[in-house]
C-alpha atoms as a PDB file:
ATOM      1  CA  MET A   1      12.919 -32.365 -54.867  1.00  0.00           C
ATOM      2  CA  ASN A   2      15.063 -30.654 -57.443  1.00  0.00           C
ATOM      3  CA  ALA A   3      18.222 -29.369 -55.737  1.00  0.00           C
ATOM      4  CA  ASN A   4      18.379 -26.442 -58.177  1.00  0.00           C
ATOM      5  CA  PHE A   5      14.877 -25.401 -57.068  1.00  0.00           C
ATOM      6  CA  LEU A   6      15.934 -25.354 -53.416  1.00  0.00           C
ATOM      7  CA  ASP A   7      19.168 -23.538 -54.236  1.00  0.00           C
ATOM      8  CA  LEU A   8      17.184 -20.795 -55.949  1.00  0.00           C
ATOM      9  CA  LEU A   9      14.893 -20.460 -52.943  1.00  0.00           C
ATOM     10  CA  ARG A  10      17.901 -20.411 -50.595  1.00  0.00           C
ATOM     11  CA  ALA A  11      19.393 -17.568 -52.626  1.00  0.00           C
ATOM     12  CA  THR A  12      16.127 -15.625 -52.293  1.00  0.00           C
ATOM     13  CA  LEU A  13      15.190 -16.167 -48.652  1.00  0.00           C
ATOM     14  CA  PRO A  14      17.071 -15.805 -45.373  1.00  0.00           C
ATOM     15  CA  GLU A  15      18.214 -19.183 -44.007  1.00  0.00           C
ATOM     16  CA  HIS A  16      15.594 -19.184 -41.241  1.00  0.00           C
ATOM     17  CA  ALA A  17      12.808 -18.445 -43.766  1.00  0.00           C
ATOM     18  CA  LEU A  18      13.087 -21.695 -45.753  1.00  0.00           C
ATOM     19  CA  LEU A  19      12.077 -24.912 -44.041  1.00  0.00           C
ATOM     20  CA  VAL A  20      13.011 -28.206 -45.705  1.00  0.00           C
ATOM     21  CA  GLU A  21      13.685 -30.667 -42.872  1.00  0.00           C
ATOM     22  CA  PRO A  22      10.842 -33.113 -42.120  1.00  0.00           C
ATOM     23  CA  GLU A  23      10.726 -32.153 -38.443  1.00  0.00           C
ATOM     24  CA  ASP A  24      10.235 -28.514 -39.471  1.00  0.00           C
ATOM     25  CA  LEU A  25       7.604 -29.364 -42.093  1.00  0.00           C
ATOM     26  CA  HIS A  26       5.259 -31.463 -39.919  1.00  0.00           C
ATOM     27  CA  PRO A  27       3.438 -28.459 -38.405  1.00  0.00           C
ATOM     28  CA  TYR A  28       2.542 -27.451 -41.983  1.00  0.00           C
ATOM     29  CA  GLU A  29       1.210 -30.827 -43.187  1.00  0.00           C
ATOM     30  CA  CYS A  30      -2.338 -29.731 -42.377  1.00  0.00           C
ATOM     31  CA  ASP A  31      -4.272 -26.869 -40.888  1.00  0.00           C
ATOM     32  CA  GLY A  32      -7.148 -27.096 -38.403  1.00  0.00           C
ATOM     33  CA  LEU A  33      -8.789 -29.667 -40.701  1.00  0.00           C
ATOM     34  CA  SER A  34      -6.405 -32.489 -39.766  1.00  0.00           C
ATOM     35  CA  VAL A  35      -8.230 -35.239 -41.680  1.00  0.00           C
ATOM     36  CA  TYR A  36      -6.142 -34.441 -44.774  1.00  0.00           C
ATOM     37  CA  ARG A  37      -2.400 -34.444 -44.198  1.00  0.00           C
ATOM     38  CA  GLN A  38       0.473 -34.164 -46.631  1.00  0.00           C
ATOM     39  CA  LEU A  39       4.018 -33.100 -45.896  1.00  0.00           C
ATOM     40  CA  PRO A  40       4.927 -30.103 -48.071  1.00  0.00           C
ATOM     41  CA  LEU A  41       8.073 -30.103 -50.210  1.00  0.00           C
ATOM     42  CA  ALA A  42       9.241 -26.945 -48.447  1.00  0.00           C
ATOM     43  CA  VAL A  43       7.839 -24.036 -46.482  1.00  0.00           C
ATOM     44  CA  CYS A  44       8.758 -20.469 -47.363  1.00  0.00           C
ATOM     45  CA  LEU A  45       8.340 -17.753 -44.753  1.00  0.00           C
ATOM     46  CA  PRO A  46       9.178 -14.625 -46.751  1.00  0.00           C
ATOM     47  CA  GLU A  47       9.668 -11.376 -44.880  1.00  0.00           C
ATOM     48  CA  THR A  48       9.337  -8.876 -47.718  1.00  0.00           C
ATOM     49  CA  GLU A  49       7.140  -8.373 -50.741  1.00  0.00           C
ATOM     50  CA  ALA A  50      10.184  -8.872 -52.978  1.00  0.00           C
ATOM     51  CA  GLN A  51      10.882 -12.265 -51.374  1.00  0.00           C
ATOM     52  CA  VAL A  52       7.258 -13.300 -51.946  1.00  0.00           C
ATOM     53  CA  GLN A  53       7.500 -12.299 -55.607  1.00  0.00           C
ATOM     54  CA  GLN A  54      10.786 -14.126 -56.152  1.00  0.00           C
ATOM     55  CA  ALA A  55       9.644 -17.296 -54.381  1.00  0.00           C
ATOM     56  CA  LEU A  56       6.442 -17.391 -56.461  1.00  0.00           C
ATOM     57  CA  LYS A  57       8.404 -16.865 -59.691  1.00  0.00           C
ATOM     58  CA  ILE A  58      10.750 -19.735 -58.797  1.00  0.00           C
ATOM     59  CA  CYS A  59       7.822 -22.025 -57.993  1.00  0.00           C
ATOM     60  CA  HIS A  60       6.127 -21.110 -61.256  1.00  0.00           C
ATOM     61  CA  ARG A  61       9.297 -21.769 -63.283  1.00  0.00           C
ATOM     62  CA  HIS A  62       9.655 -25.201 -61.691  1.00  0.00           C
ATOM     63  CA  ALA A  63       5.924 -26.038 -61.848  1.00  0.00           C
ATOM     64  CA  VAL A  64       5.767 -26.397 -58.059  1.00  0.00           C
ATOM     65  CA  PRO A  65       2.256 -25.783 -56.690  1.00  0.00           C
ATOM     66  CA  VAL A  66       1.878 -23.158 -53.979  1.00  0.00           C
ATOM     67  CA  VAL A  67      -0.563 -23.523 -51.105  1.00  0.00           C
ATOM     68  CA  ALA A  68      -1.084 -20.288 -49.201  1.00  0.00           C
ATOM     69  CA  ARG A  69      -1.544 -20.704 -45.484  1.00  0.00           C
ATOM     70  CA  GLY A  70      -3.317 -18.381 -43.097  1.00  0.00           C
ATOM     71  CA  ALA A  71      -3.525 -19.003 -39.383  1.00  0.00           C
ATOM     72  CA  GLY A  72      -3.931 -22.778 -39.826  1.00  0.00           C
ATOM     73  CA  THR A  73      -7.343 -22.867 -38.146  1.00  0.00           C
ATOM     74  CA  GLY A  74      -9.134 -24.624 -41.008  1.00  0.00           C
ATOM     75  CA  CYS A  75     -12.015 -22.141 -40.736  1.00  0.00           C
ATOM     76  CA  ARG A  76     -11.587 -21.245 -44.408  1.00  0.00           C
ATOM     77  CA  GLU A  77     -12.242 -24.626 -46.041  1.00  0.00           C
ATOM     78  CA  GLY A  78      -9.040 -26.398 -44.953  1.00  0.00           C
ATOM     79  CA  ARG A  79      -6.536 -25.859 -47.761  1.00  0.00           C
ATOM     80  CA  CYS A  80      -4.673 -28.917 -49.052  1.00  0.00           C
ATOM     81  CA  HIS A  81      -2.069 -29.704 -51.674  1.00  0.00           C
ATOM     82  CA  SER A  82      -3.221 -30.348 -55.240  1.00  0.00           C
ATOM     83  CA  ALA A  83      -2.198 -34.006 -54.934  1.00  0.00           C
ATOM     84  CA  MET A  84      -4.986 -34.400 -52.401  1.00  0.00           C
ATOM     85  CA  ALA A  85      -7.668 -32.284 -54.073  1.00  0.00           C
END
């Protein structure tokens, strides 16, 4: 992953709101539909609308796909990363 990309996200989000360590990412590798698993590059947990906007702008600039996550139940089609679609 591009270090500059992560640095930009770190500058936007509180430290606890950006997960990048594999052990922190595993709960987000799938939702309730656990047949399809893929470890995300990072997980953003923004706390404000401004943080959401900035994180999405950074992802767009770096051509990083965004997968929105709800409750993780899989009841809404089981979202997966574009590499798996």
